[in-house]
Amino acid sequence: MGSARSAFVISALLCVSNPAFSAELESPTEDSRPSGLLGHTIIRGYAAVVPVNWGNDLTDSPGWGGGFSVSYGIARAVQVSLGFAYHRFNIRGPQTWDVLRHVSTSMELYSPARDVVRPWMGIGIGYYEVEQYSFANAALDLTERRDRNSYVDLKSLGANVGAGVAVRMSERVGLEFGCRYHTTFDHPFVDALELLSVQAGLSYVVR
């Protein structure tokens, strides 16, 4: 009789403790928590304005531009990016301006918290090319502007630093605002280019 009662008590305890044990196994752990940027591929596109630029024969006139990048999270708060950007600046009238094209790789550090607004900062290095455009007759139609002078004024390695904020709109879509300062390394014949770009755009998490 005693053994039967003991078996009943043990069985009851097992029935009570088993769901608790299962719940403990299924509870969130460090591995199951959101991984932030880690392992995520993110596509970004942005528009930009160039409020100021410095360099060889550059005026202080504003410009505009845009770009896109593909990023991959190598840690919860760190990602590496590869991007291309185009800026038209140093506009000296309707027929003369400069164009900056650059391809760069960068590393950005984001706030690890899963807040709606997260600050970020980054640093990058890449290839910069500046080309000057000058049209002989700006009144002509675009298809007729054959008489133009354009030449590459600068080809150089350069660096950029930036900072801003990211605003999460959903699990995949976000808004990003920031600015980047670009500078090229010393060139034997041309002064280094310095340019500030203020940008705003969209980001999309592929996976």
N, C-alpha and C. Protein backbone atom coordinates (compact mmCIF):
# COMPACT_ATOMS: atom_id res chain seq x y z
N MET A 1 0.83 -1.20 0.00
CA MET A 1 0.00 0.00 0.00
C MET A 1 0.87 1.25 0.00
N GLY A 2 1.93 1.21 0.84
CA GLY A 2 2.84 2.34 0.90
C GLY A 2 3.55 2.56 -0.42
N SER A 3 3.96 1.46 -1.07
CA SER A 3 4.66 1.60 -2.34
C SER A 3 3.75 2.14 -3.41
N ALA A 4 2.48 1.74 -3.40
CA ALA A 4 1.51 2.24 -4.38
C ALA A 4 1.29 3.73 -4.19
N ARG A 5 1.21 4.15 -2.88
CA ARG A 5 1.01 5.58 -2.60
C ARG A 5 2.24 6.38 -3.05
N SER A 6 3.42 5.83 -2.81
CA SER A 6 4.66 6.51 -3.22
C SER A 6 4.72 6.66 -4.74
N ALA A 7 4.32 5.60 -5.45
CA ALA A 7 4.33 5.65 -6.91
C ALA A 7 3.37 6.70 -7.42
N PHE A 8 2.19 6.81 -6.75
CA PHE A 8 1.20 7.80 -7.16
C PHE A 8 1.72 9.22 -6.97
N VAL A 9 2.39 9.45 -5.81
CA VAL A 9 2.94 10.77 -5.53
C VAL A 9 4.02 11.14 -6.54
N ILE A 10 4.89 10.18 -6.83
CA ILE A 10 5.97 10.43 -7.80
C ILE A 10 5.40 10.75 -9.17
N SER A 11 4.37 9.98 -9.58
CA SER A 11 3.74 10.22 -10.89
C SER A 11 3.11 11.61 -10.94
N ALA A 12 2.46 12.01 -9.86
CA ALA A 12 1.83 13.34 -9.81
C ALA A 12 2.87 14.44 -9.92
N LEU A 13 3.99 14.27 -9.19
CA LEU A 13 5.05 15.27 -9.24
C LEU A 13 5.65 15.39 -10.64
N LEU A 14 5.80 14.27 -11.32
CA LEU A 14 6.32 14.27 -12.67
C LEU A 14 5.39 14.99 -13.62
N CYS A 15 4.08 14.76 -13.45
CA CYS A 15 3.09 15.42 -14.32
C CYS A 15 3.10 16.93 -14.11
N VAL A 16 3.30 17.36 -12.86
CA VAL A 16 3.31 18.79 -12.57
C VAL A 16 4.60 19.45 -13.05
N SER A 17 5.72 18.75 -12.84
CA SER A 17 7.01 19.35 -13.14
C SER A 17 7.35 19.29 -14.63
N ASN A 18 6.77 18.36 -15.37
CA ASN A 18 7.13 18.19 -16.78
C ASN A 18 6.79 19.42 -17.63
N PRO A 19 5.58 20.03 -17.51
CA PRO A 19 5.32 21.24 -18.28
C PRO A 19 6.27 22.38 -17.92
N ALA A 20 6.60 22.50 -16.63
CA ALA A 20 7.52 23.56 -16.21
C ALA A 20 8.90 23.36 -16.82
N PHE A 21 9.32 22.10 -16.85
CA PHE A 21 10.61 21.77 -17.43
C PHE A 21 10.62 22.06 -18.93
N SER A 22 9.50 21.70 -19.61
CA SER A 22 9.40 21.98 -21.04
C SER A 22 9.39 23.47 -21.31
N ALA A 23 8.66 24.22 -20.47
CA ALA A 23 8.60 25.66 -20.64
C ALA A 23 9.98 26.29 -20.45
N GLU A 24 10.75 25.72 -19.51
CA GLU A 24 12.10 26.24 -19.28
C GLU A 24 12.98 26.02 -20.49
N LEU A 25 12.83 24.87 -21.16
CA LEU A 25 13.62 24.59 -22.34
C LEU A 25 13.24 25.51 -23.50
N GLU A 26 11.95 25.88 -23.57
CA GLU A 26 11.48 26.68 -24.68
C GLU A 26 11.57 28.19 -24.41
N SER A 27 12.01 28.56 -23.23
CA SER A 27 12.12 29.99 -22.90
C SER A 27 13.25 30.61 -23.70
N PRO A 28 13.17 31.93 -23.96
CA PRO A 28 14.21 32.60 -24.75
C PRO A 28 15.57 32.48 -24.10
N THR A 29 16.55 32.22 -24.91
CA THR A 29 17.94 32.15 -24.45
C THR A 29 18.74 33.21 -25.20
N GLU A 30 20.00 33.27 -24.88
CA GLU A 30 20.86 34.24 -25.56
C GLU A 30 20.91 33.97 -27.05
N ASP A 31 20.88 32.67 -27.46
CA ASP A 31 20.98 32.33 -28.87
C ASP A 31 19.71 32.67 -29.64
N SER A 32 18.56 32.69 -28.96
CA SER A 32 17.31 32.91 -29.67
C SER A 32 16.89 34.37 -29.66
N ARG A 33 17.63 35.23 -28.97
CA ARG A 33 17.28 36.63 -28.96
C ARG A 33 17.61 37.26 -30.32
N PRO A 34 16.95 38.39 -30.66
CA PRO A 34 17.24 39.05 -31.93
C PRO A 34 18.73 39.35 -32.08
N SER A 35 19.25 39.08 -33.27
CA SER A 35 20.69 39.18 -33.49
C SER A 35 21.12 40.55 -33.98
N GLY A 36 20.22 41.52 -34.03
CA GLY A 36 20.60 42.85 -34.50
C GLY A 36 21.02 42.82 -35.95
N LEU A 37 22.21 43.36 -36.27
CA LEU A 37 22.69 43.39 -37.64
C LEU A 37 23.35 42.09 -38.06
N LEU A 38 23.70 41.25 -37.11
CA LEU A 38 24.48 40.05 -37.40
C LEU A 38 23.78 39.16 -38.43
N GLY A 39 24.49 38.88 -39.54
CA GLY A 39 23.98 37.98 -40.56
C GLY A 39 22.95 38.57 -41.49
N HIS A 40 22.59 39.84 -41.33
CA HIS A 40 21.58 40.45 -42.17
C HIS A 40 22.22 41.21 -43.34
N THR A 41 21.62 41.08 -44.52
CA THR A 41 22.02 41.84 -45.69
C THR A 41 21.04 42.99 -45.88
N ILE A 42 21.57 44.19 -46.03
CA ILE A 42 20.74 45.40 -46.09
C ILE A 42 21.10 46.19 -47.35
N ILE A 43 20.08 46.60 -48.09
CA ILE A 43 20.25 47.44 -49.28
C ILE A 43 19.80 48.86 -48.93
N ARG A 44 20.61 49.84 -49.32
CA ARG A 44 20.28 51.24 -49.03
C ARG A 44 20.37 52.08 -50.30
N GLY A 45 19.47 53.05 -50.40
CA GLY A 45 19.52 54.05 -51.44
C GLY A 45 19.25 55.41 -50.82
N TYR A 46 19.91 56.46 -51.32
CA TYR A 46 19.74 57.76 -50.68
C TYR A 46 19.94 58.88 -51.69
N ALA A 47 19.36 60.02 -51.38
CA ALA A 47 19.61 61.27 -52.09
C ALA A 47 20.42 62.18 -51.18
N ALA A 48 21.15 63.11 -51.77
CA ALA A 48 22.06 63.94 -50.97
C ALA A 48 22.13 65.35 -51.53
N VAL A 49 22.48 66.27 -50.66
CA VAL A 49 22.84 67.63 -51.06
C VAL A 49 24.27 67.88 -50.61
N VAL A 50 24.95 68.72 -51.34
CA VAL A 50 26.34 69.08 -51.04
C VAL A 50 26.35 70.55 -50.65
N PRO A 51 26.25 70.88 -49.38
CA PRO A 51 26.19 72.29 -48.98
C PRO A 51 27.51 73.03 -49.11
N VAL A 52 28.62 72.30 -49.07
CA VAL A 52 29.92 72.97 -49.12
C VAL A 52 30.96 72.00 -49.65
N ASN A 53 31.96 72.55 -50.38
CA ASN A 53 33.07 71.74 -50.87
C ASN A 53 34.31 72.61 -50.93
N TRP A 54 35.47 71.96 -50.85
CA TRP A 54 36.74 72.65 -50.88
C TRP A 54 37.66 71.89 -51.82
N GLY A 55 38.67 72.58 -52.34
CA GLY A 55 39.63 71.90 -53.18
C GLY A 55 40.18 72.80 -54.26
N ASN A 56 40.70 72.19 -55.31
CA ASN A 56 41.35 72.92 -56.38
C ASN A 56 40.32 73.63 -57.26
N ASP A 57 40.36 74.98 -57.28
CA ASP A 57 39.48 75.79 -58.14
C ASP A 57 38.01 75.51 -57.86
N LEU A 58 37.64 75.20 -56.63
CA LEU A 58 36.25 74.93 -56.31
C LEU A 58 35.60 76.16 -55.71
N THR A 59 34.36 76.40 -56.14
CA THR A 59 33.59 77.47 -55.53
C THR A 59 32.80 76.90 -54.37
N ASP A 60 32.20 77.78 -53.61
CA ASP A 60 31.45 77.34 -52.44
C ASP A 60 29.96 77.18 -52.78
N SER A 61 29.65 76.82 -54.01
CA SER A 61 28.25 76.67 -54.43
C SER A 61 27.74 75.29 -54.05
N PRO A 62 26.46 75.17 -53.70
CA PRO A 62 25.91 73.87 -53.30
C PRO A 62 25.73 72.94 -54.50
N GLY A 63 25.55 71.68 -54.21
CA GLY A 63 25.32 70.69 -55.25
C GLY A 63 24.37 69.62 -54.76
N TRP A 64 24.31 68.51 -55.49
CA TRP A 64 23.38 67.42 -55.15
C TRP A 64 24.00 66.10 -55.57
N GLY A 65 23.34 65.02 -55.20
CA GLY A 65 23.87 63.71 -55.56
C GLY A 65 23.01 62.58 -55.03
N GLY A 66 23.57 61.40 -55.03
CA GLY A 66 22.86 60.21 -54.56
C GLY A 66 23.76 59.00 -54.62
N GLY A 67 23.25 57.88 -54.12
CA GLY A 67 24.05 56.67 -54.12
C GLY A 67 23.29 55.48 -53.57
N PHE A 68 23.95 54.35 -53.58
CA PHE A 68 23.37 53.14 -53.01
C PHE A 68 24.49 52.28 -52.44
N SER A 69 24.12 51.37 -51.56
CA SER A 69 25.11 50.48 -50.95
C SER A 69 24.46 49.17 -50.55
N VAL A 70 25.30 48.16 -50.41
CA VAL A 70 24.89 46.85 -49.91
C VAL A 70 25.73 46.57 -48.67
N SER A 71 25.06 46.23 -47.57
CA SER A 71 25.75 46.03 -46.29
C SER A 71 25.49 44.63 -45.75
N TYR A 72 26.42 44.18 -44.93
CA TYR A 72 26.26 42.87 -44.28
C TYR A 72 26.70 42.99 -42.83
N GLY A 73 25.87 42.50 -41.93
CA GLY A 73 26.18 42.58 -40.51
C GLY A 73 27.17 41.52 -40.08
N ILE A 74 28.34 41.96 -39.60
CA ILE A 74 29.36 41.02 -39.13
C ILE A 74 29.31 40.86 -37.62
N ALA A 75 28.51 41.67 -36.96
CA ALA A 75 28.30 41.58 -35.52
C ALA A 75 26.94 42.19 -35.21
N ARG A 76 26.55 42.09 -33.96
CA ARG A 76 25.23 42.60 -33.57
C ARG A 76 25.07 44.09 -33.86
N ALA A 77 26.15 44.86 -33.76
CA ALA A 77 26.07 46.30 -33.95
C ALA A 77 27.05 46.82 -35.00
N VAL A 78 27.69 45.92 -35.78
CA VAL A 78 28.70 46.32 -36.74
C VAL A 78 28.37 45.73 -38.11
N GLN A 79 28.51 46.55 -39.15
CA GLN A 79 28.30 46.06 -40.50
C GLN A 79 29.37 46.63 -41.43
N VAL A 80 29.63 45.90 -42.52
CA VAL A 80 30.52 46.39 -43.57
C VAL A 80 29.68 46.66 -44.80
N SER A 81 30.06 47.71 -45.56
CA SER A 81 29.26 48.13 -46.70
C SER A 81 30.14 48.34 -47.92
N LEU A 82 29.55 48.13 -49.09
CA LEU A 82 30.17 48.46 -50.36
C LEU A 82 29.19 49.35 -51.10
N GLY A 83 29.63 50.54 -51.51
CA GLY A 83 28.69 51.48 -52.09
C GLY A 83 29.27 52.28 -53.23
N PHE A 84 28.36 52.87 -54.01
CA PHE A 84 28.71 53.77 -55.12
C PHE A 84 27.93 55.06 -54.95
N ALA A 85 28.57 56.19 -55.24
CA ALA A 85 27.89 57.48 -55.10
C ALA A 85 28.27 58.41 -56.25
N TYR A 86 27.34 59.30 -56.57
CA TYR A 86 27.53 60.30 -57.62
C TYR A 86 27.15 61.66 -57.03
N HIS A 87 28.02 62.66 -57.20
CA HIS A 87 27.71 64.01 -56.73
C HIS A 87 28.04 65.01 -57.83
N ARG A 88 27.13 65.93 -58.06
CA ARG A 88 27.39 67.06 -58.95
C ARG A 88 27.53 68.30 -58.08
N PHE A 89 28.65 68.97 -58.20
CA PHE A 89 28.94 70.07 -57.30
C PHE A 89 29.79 71.11 -58.03
N ASN A 90 30.19 72.14 -57.31
CA ASN A 90 31.00 73.20 -57.91
C ASN A 90 30.34 73.74 -59.18
N ILE A 91 29.04 73.96 -59.11
CA ILE A 91 28.27 74.40 -60.27
C ILE A 91 28.52 75.89 -60.49
N ARG A 92 29.09 76.21 -61.66
CA ARG A 92 29.48 77.58 -61.96
C ARG A 92 28.60 78.16 -63.07
N GLY A 93 27.33 77.83 -63.05
CA GLY A 93 26.41 78.28 -64.10
C GLY A 93 25.78 77.09 -64.79
N PRO A 94 24.92 77.34 -65.81
CA PRO A 94 24.19 76.24 -66.46
C PRO A 94 25.05 75.38 -67.38
N GLN A 95 26.31 75.78 -67.63
CA GLN A 95 27.11 75.02 -68.57
C GLN A 95 28.40 74.46 -67.98
N THR A 96 28.67 74.69 -66.71
CA THR A 96 29.93 74.23 -66.13
C THR A 96 29.69 73.68 -64.73
N TRP A 97 30.18 72.48 -64.50
CA TRP A 97 30.09 71.88 -63.18
C TRP A 97 31.11 70.75 -63.06
N ASP A 98 31.28 70.23 -61.88
CA ASP A 98 32.16 69.09 -61.63
C ASP A 98 31.33 67.91 -61.16
N VAL A 99 31.83 66.72 -61.44
CA VAL A 99 31.16 65.47 -61.06
C VAL A 99 32.14 64.63 -60.24
N LEU A 100 31.67 64.15 -59.13
CA LEU A 100 32.45 63.23 -58.30
C LEU A 100 31.79 61.86 -58.32
N ARG A 101 32.55 60.86 -58.68
CA ARG A 101 32.11 59.47 -58.59
C ARG A 101 33.06 58.74 -57.66
N HIS A 102 32.50 57.93 -56.78
CA HIS A 102 33.40 57.17 -55.91
C HIS A 102 32.78 55.84 -55.52
N VAL A 103 33.65 54.86 -55.42
CA VAL A 103 33.30 53.52 -54.94
C VAL A 103 34.08 53.30 -53.67
N SER A 104 33.39 52.93 -52.60
CA SER A 104 34.10 52.82 -51.32
C SER A 104 33.53 51.67 -50.50
N THR A 105 34.35 51.18 -49.63
CA THR A 105 33.92 50.21 -48.63
C THR A 105 34.05 50.86 -47.26
N SER A 106 33.10 50.58 -46.39
CA SER A 106 33.09 51.25 -45.10
C SER A 106 32.62 50.31 -44.01
N MET A 107 32.83 50.73 -42.79
CA MET A 107 32.36 50.00 -41.63
C MET A 107 31.53 50.94 -40.77
N GLU A 108 30.31 50.52 -40.43
CA GLU A 108 29.43 51.34 -39.61
C GLU A 108 29.14 50.66 -38.28
N LEU A 109 29.06 51.47 -37.26
CA LEU A 109 28.73 51.00 -35.92
C LEU A 109 27.38 51.59 -35.53
N TYR A 110 26.42 50.71 -35.23
CA TYR A 110 25.07 51.11 -34.84
C TYR A 110 24.86 50.85 -33.36
N SER A 111 23.94 51.59 -32.79
CA SER A 111 23.56 51.33 -31.41
C SER A 111 22.98 49.92 -31.33
N PRO A 112 23.43 49.08 -30.38
CA PRO A 112 22.94 47.69 -30.32
C PRO A 112 21.51 47.57 -29.81
N ALA A 113 20.97 48.60 -29.22
CA ALA A 113 19.60 48.53 -28.68
C ALA A 113 18.59 48.48 -29.82
N ARG A 114 17.49 47.76 -29.60
CA ARG A 114 16.45 47.65 -30.61
C ARG A 114 15.43 48.79 -30.46
N ASP A 115 15.93 50.01 -30.45
CA ASP A 115 15.07 51.17 -30.36
C ASP A 115 14.57 51.58 -31.75
N VAL A 116 13.54 52.40 -31.77
CA VAL A 116 13.03 52.89 -33.05
C VAL A 116 14.04 53.80 -33.71
N VAL A 117 14.71 54.64 -32.92
CA VAL A 117 15.75 55.54 -33.43
C VAL A 117 17.10 55.09 -32.90
N ARG A 118 18.04 54.81 -33.82
CA ARG A 118 19.36 54.35 -33.41
C ARG A 118 20.44 55.21 -34.06
N PRO A 119 21.34 55.79 -33.30
CA PRO A 119 22.45 56.54 -33.89
C PRO A 119 23.47 55.60 -34.51
N TRP A 120 24.21 56.11 -35.49
CA TRP A 120 25.27 55.32 -36.12
C TRP A 120 26.44 56.24 -36.48
N MET A 121 27.60 55.63 -36.66
CA MET A 121 28.78 56.34 -37.14
C MET A 121 29.62 55.36 -37.93
N GLY A 122 30.37 55.89 -38.90
CA GLY A 122 31.14 54.99 -39.75
C GLY A 122 32.35 55.65 -40.37
N ILE A 123 33.22 54.83 -40.93
CA ILE A 123 34.43 55.29 -41.60
C ILE A 123 34.67 54.39 -42.80
N GLY A 124 35.14 55.00 -43.90
CA GLY A 124 35.34 54.22 -45.11
C GLY A 124 36.54 54.68 -45.91
N ILE A 125 36.89 53.89 -46.92
CA ILE A 125 38.00 54.19 -47.82
C ILE A 125 37.61 53.71 -49.21
N GLY A 126 38.06 54.44 -50.24
CA GLY A 126 37.67 54.04 -51.58
C GLY A 126 38.40 54.80 -52.67
N TYR A 127 37.90 54.63 -53.89
CA TYR A 127 38.47 55.25 -55.08
C TYR A 127 37.60 56.43 -55.49
N TYR A 128 38.21 57.60 -55.69
CA TYR A 128 37.50 58.84 -56.03
C TYR A 128 37.96 59.34 -57.40
N GLU A 129 36.99 59.78 -58.19
CA GLU A 129 37.28 60.35 -59.51
C GLU A 129 36.46 61.62 -59.70
N VAL A 130 37.13 62.73 -60.04
CA VAL A 130 36.48 64.01 -60.29
C VAL A 130 36.63 64.34 -61.77
N GLU A 131 35.52 64.67 -62.42
CA GLU A 131 35.52 65.04 -63.83
C GLU A 131 34.85 66.40 -63.99
N GLN A 132 35.46 67.27 -64.77
CA GLN A 132 34.93 68.60 -65.01
C GLN A 132 34.20 68.63 -66.35
N TYR A 133 33.02 69.25 -66.36
CA TYR A 133 32.20 69.36 -67.55
C TYR A 133 32.03 70.83 -67.90
N SER A 134 32.12 71.14 -69.20
CA SER A 134 31.90 72.50 -69.67
C SER A 134 31.29 72.44 -71.07
N PHE A 135 30.08 72.98 -71.23
CA PHE A 135 29.39 73.00 -72.51
C PHE A 135 29.61 74.33 -73.20
N ALA A 136 29.85 74.28 -74.51
CA ALA A 136 30.07 75.51 -75.27
C ALA A 136 28.77 76.28 -75.44
N ASN A 137 27.65 75.56 -75.55
CA ASN A 137 26.36 76.23 -75.75
C ASN A 137 25.33 75.51 -74.91
N ALA A 138 25.02 76.07 -73.75
CA ALA A 138 24.09 75.42 -72.84
C ALA A 138 22.65 75.51 -73.30
N ALA A 139 22.35 76.39 -74.31
CA ALA A 139 20.98 76.55 -74.77
C ALA A 139 20.54 75.42 -75.69
N LEU A 140 21.46 74.62 -76.18
CA LEU A 140 21.11 73.54 -77.08
C LEU A 140 20.37 72.44 -76.36
N ASP A 141 19.63 71.64 -77.14
CA ASP A 141 18.96 70.48 -76.59
C ASP A 141 20.01 69.48 -76.12
N LEU A 142 19.60 68.62 -75.19
CA LEU A 142 20.56 67.65 -74.64
C LEU A 142 21.16 66.77 -75.73
N THR A 143 20.36 66.42 -76.74
CA THR A 143 20.86 65.55 -77.82
C THR A 143 21.82 66.29 -78.75
N GLU A 144 21.85 67.63 -78.68
CA GLU A 144 22.69 68.41 -79.56
C GLU A 144 23.95 68.92 -78.88
N ARG A 145 24.09 68.64 -77.62
CA ARG A 145 25.25 69.15 -76.89
C ARG A 145 26.48 68.28 -77.15
N ARG A 146 26.99 68.38 -78.35
CA ARG A 146 28.13 67.56 -78.72
C ARG A 146 29.44 68.30 -78.50
N ASP A 147 29.37 69.61 -78.56
CA ASP A 147 30.58 70.41 -78.39
C ASP A 147 30.77 70.70 -76.91
N ARG A 148 31.40 69.80 -76.24
CA ARG A 148 31.62 69.97 -74.81
C ARG A 148 33.04 69.56 -74.46
N ASN A 149 33.50 70.09 -73.40
CA ASN A 149 34.81 69.72 -72.89
C ASN A 149 34.62 69.02 -71.55
N SER A 150 35.20 67.87 -71.42
CA SER A 150 35.17 67.17 -70.14
C SER A 150 36.50 66.44 -69.99
N TYR A 151 37.04 66.52 -68.83
CA TYR A 151 38.29 65.81 -68.58
C TYR A 151 38.36 65.44 -67.11
N VAL A 152 39.03 64.36 -66.86
CA VAL A 152 39.19 63.87 -65.49
C VAL A 152 40.25 64.72 -64.80
N ASP A 153 39.83 65.37 -63.74
CA ASP A 153 40.72 66.28 -63.02
C ASP A 153 41.46 65.58 -61.89
N LEU A 154 40.88 64.50 -61.40
CA LEU A 154 41.48 63.85 -60.24
C LEU A 154 41.09 62.38 -60.19
N LYS A 155 42.06 61.53 -59.99
CA LYS A 155 41.85 60.11 -59.69
C LYS A 155 42.70 59.80 -58.47
N SER A 156 42.05 59.38 -57.41
CA SER A 156 42.81 59.24 -56.16
C SER A 156 42.07 58.33 -55.19
N LEU A 157 42.82 57.75 -54.29
CA LEU A 157 42.21 57.10 -53.14
C LEU A 157 41.75 58.18 -52.16
N GLY A 158 40.71 57.87 -51.41
CA GLY A 158 40.20 58.82 -50.45
C GLY A 158 39.54 58.13 -49.28
N ALA A 159 39.08 58.93 -48.35
CA ALA A 159 38.45 58.39 -47.16
C ALA A 159 37.22 59.23 -46.82
N ASN A 160 36.34 58.66 -46.04
CA ASN A 160 35.15 59.39 -45.60
C ASN A 160 34.77 58.94 -44.19
N VAL A 161 34.19 59.87 -43.47
CA VAL A 161 33.66 59.58 -42.14
C VAL A 161 32.23 60.12 -42.09
N GLY A 162 31.36 59.44 -41.35
CA GLY A 162 29.98 59.85 -41.31
C GLY A 162 29.31 59.53 -39.99
N ALA A 163 28.15 60.14 -39.79
CA ALA A 163 27.35 59.90 -38.60
C ALA A 163 25.91 60.26 -38.90
N GLY A 164 24.98 59.66 -38.15
CA GLY A 164 23.58 59.95 -38.38
C GLY A 164 22.69 59.11 -37.49
N VAL A 165 21.43 58.98 -37.90
CA VAL A 165 20.46 58.18 -37.16
C VAL A 165 19.69 57.31 -38.14
N ALA A 166 19.28 56.14 -37.66
CA ALA A 166 18.43 55.23 -38.41
C ALA A 166 17.09 55.11 -37.68
N VAL A 167 16.01 55.21 -38.43
CA VAL A 167 14.66 55.15 -37.87
C VAL A 167 13.98 53.90 -38.41
N ARG A 168 13.64 52.98 -37.53
CA ARG A 168 13.03 51.72 -37.94
C ARG A 168 11.52 51.91 -38.15
N MET A 169 11.05 51.68 -39.40
CA MET A 169 9.64 51.81 -39.72
C MET A 169 8.90 50.48 -39.58
N SER A 170 9.60 49.38 -39.86
CA SER A 170 9.04 48.03 -39.71
C SER A 170 10.21 47.08 -39.53
N GLU A 171 9.95 45.78 -39.55
CA GLU A 171 11.03 44.81 -39.38
C GLU A 171 12.03 44.86 -40.52
N ARG A 172 11.61 45.32 -41.71
CA ARG A 172 12.50 45.31 -42.87
C ARG A 172 12.83 46.70 -43.42
N VAL A 173 11.96 47.65 -43.23
CA VAL A 173 12.12 48.96 -43.86
C VAL A 173 12.49 50.01 -42.82
N GLY A 174 13.40 50.90 -43.19
CA GLY A 174 13.81 51.96 -42.29
C GLY A 174 14.18 53.23 -43.04
N LEU A 175 14.23 54.33 -42.33
CA LEU A 175 14.71 55.60 -42.85
C LEU A 175 16.06 55.90 -42.24
N GLU A 176 16.95 56.51 -43.02
CA GLU A 176 18.27 56.85 -42.51
C GLU A 176 18.63 58.27 -42.89
N PHE A 177 19.17 59.00 -41.93
CA PHE A 177 19.59 60.38 -42.12
C PHE A 177 21.02 60.52 -41.60
N GLY A 178 21.82 61.31 -42.30
CA GLY A 178 23.18 61.49 -41.83
C GLY A 178 23.97 62.41 -42.74
N CYS A 179 25.24 62.52 -42.46
CA CYS A 179 26.15 63.30 -43.29
C CYS A 179 27.50 62.59 -43.35
N ARG A 180 28.22 62.82 -44.45
CA ARG A 180 29.55 62.25 -44.61
C ARG A 180 30.51 63.32 -45.13
N TYR A 181 31.68 63.28 -44.54
CA TYR A 181 32.76 64.16 -44.98
C TYR A 181 33.74 63.32 -45.80
N HIS A 182 33.99 63.77 -47.04
CA HIS A 182 34.88 63.04 -47.95
C HIS A 182 36.14 63.85 -48.18
N THR A 183 37.26 63.17 -48.27
CA THR A 183 38.52 63.82 -48.61
C THR A 183 39.39 62.85 -49.39
N THR A 184 40.12 63.38 -50.36
CA THR A 184 41.05 62.55 -51.12
C THR A 184 42.45 62.73 -50.56
N PHE A 185 43.28 61.73 -50.81
CA PHE A 185 44.65 61.80 -50.35
C PHE A 185 45.47 62.73 -51.25
N ASP A 186 46.64 63.10 -50.78
CA ASP A 186 47.46 64.07 -51.51
C ASP A 186 47.75 63.59 -52.93
N HIS A 187 47.65 64.54 -53.85
CA HIS A 187 47.96 64.30 -55.26
C HIS A 187 49.09 65.24 -55.65
N PRO A 188 50.07 64.80 -56.47
CA PRO A 188 51.22 65.67 -56.76
C PRO A 188 50.88 66.92 -57.56
N PHE A 189 49.74 66.92 -58.31
CA PHE A 189 49.44 68.07 -59.17
C PHE A 189 48.12 68.75 -58.81
N VAL A 190 47.29 68.13 -58.03
CA VAL A 190 45.96 68.66 -57.74
C VAL A 190 45.75 68.69 -56.23
N ASP A 191 45.16 69.79 -55.75
CA ASP A 191 44.85 69.88 -54.34
C ASP A 191 43.83 68.82 -53.95
N ALA A 192 43.88 68.40 -52.73
CA ALA A 192 42.95 67.38 -52.26
C ALA A 192 41.52 67.91 -52.28
N LEU A 193 40.59 67.05 -52.63
CA LEU A 193 39.18 67.39 -52.64
C LEU A 193 38.60 67.16 -51.26
N GLU A 194 37.79 68.09 -50.79
CA GLU A 194 37.06 67.94 -49.54
C GLU A 194 35.60 68.29 -49.81
N LEU A 195 34.70 67.44 -49.36
CA LEU A 195 33.30 67.60 -49.70
C LEU A 195 32.43 67.08 -48.56
N LEU A 196 31.38 67.82 -48.25
CA LEU A 196 30.42 67.41 -47.23
C LEU A 196 29.11 67.04 -47.91
N SER A 197 28.60 65.85 -47.61
CA SER A 197 27.36 65.36 -48.19
C SER A 197 26.35 65.10 -47.08
N VAL A 198 25.18 65.73 -47.19
CA VAL A 198 24.08 65.50 -46.25
C VAL A 198 23.04 64.64 -46.96
N GLN A 199 22.71 63.48 -46.39
CA GLN A 199 21.92 62.51 -47.12
C GLN A 199 20.75 61.97 -46.32
N ALA A 200 19.74 61.51 -47.07
CA ALA A 200 18.55 60.88 -46.48
C ALA A 200 18.09 59.80 -47.44
N GLY A 201 17.68 58.65 -46.90
CA GLY A 201 17.29 57.56 -47.79
C GLY A 201 16.55 56.45 -47.07
N LEU A 202 16.37 55.34 -47.80
CA LEU A 202 15.65 54.18 -47.32
C LEU A 202 16.60 52.99 -47.18
N SER A 203 16.30 52.14 -46.25
CA SER A 203 17.04 50.87 -46.09
C SER A 203 16.05 49.72 -46.08
N TYR A 204 16.49 48.58 -46.64
CA TYR A 204 15.63 47.40 -46.70
C TYR A 204 16.44 46.18 -46.31
N VAL A 205 15.96 45.44 -45.33
CA VAL A 205 16.62 44.23 -44.86
C VAL A 205 16.19 43.06 -45.74
N VAL A 206 17.15 42.52 -46.50
CA VAL A 206 16.84 41.41 -47.41
C VAL A 206 16.54 40.15 -46.63
N ARG A 207 17.36 39.86 -45.62
CA ARG A 207 17.12 38.66 -44.79
C ARG A 207 17.78 38.87 -43.42
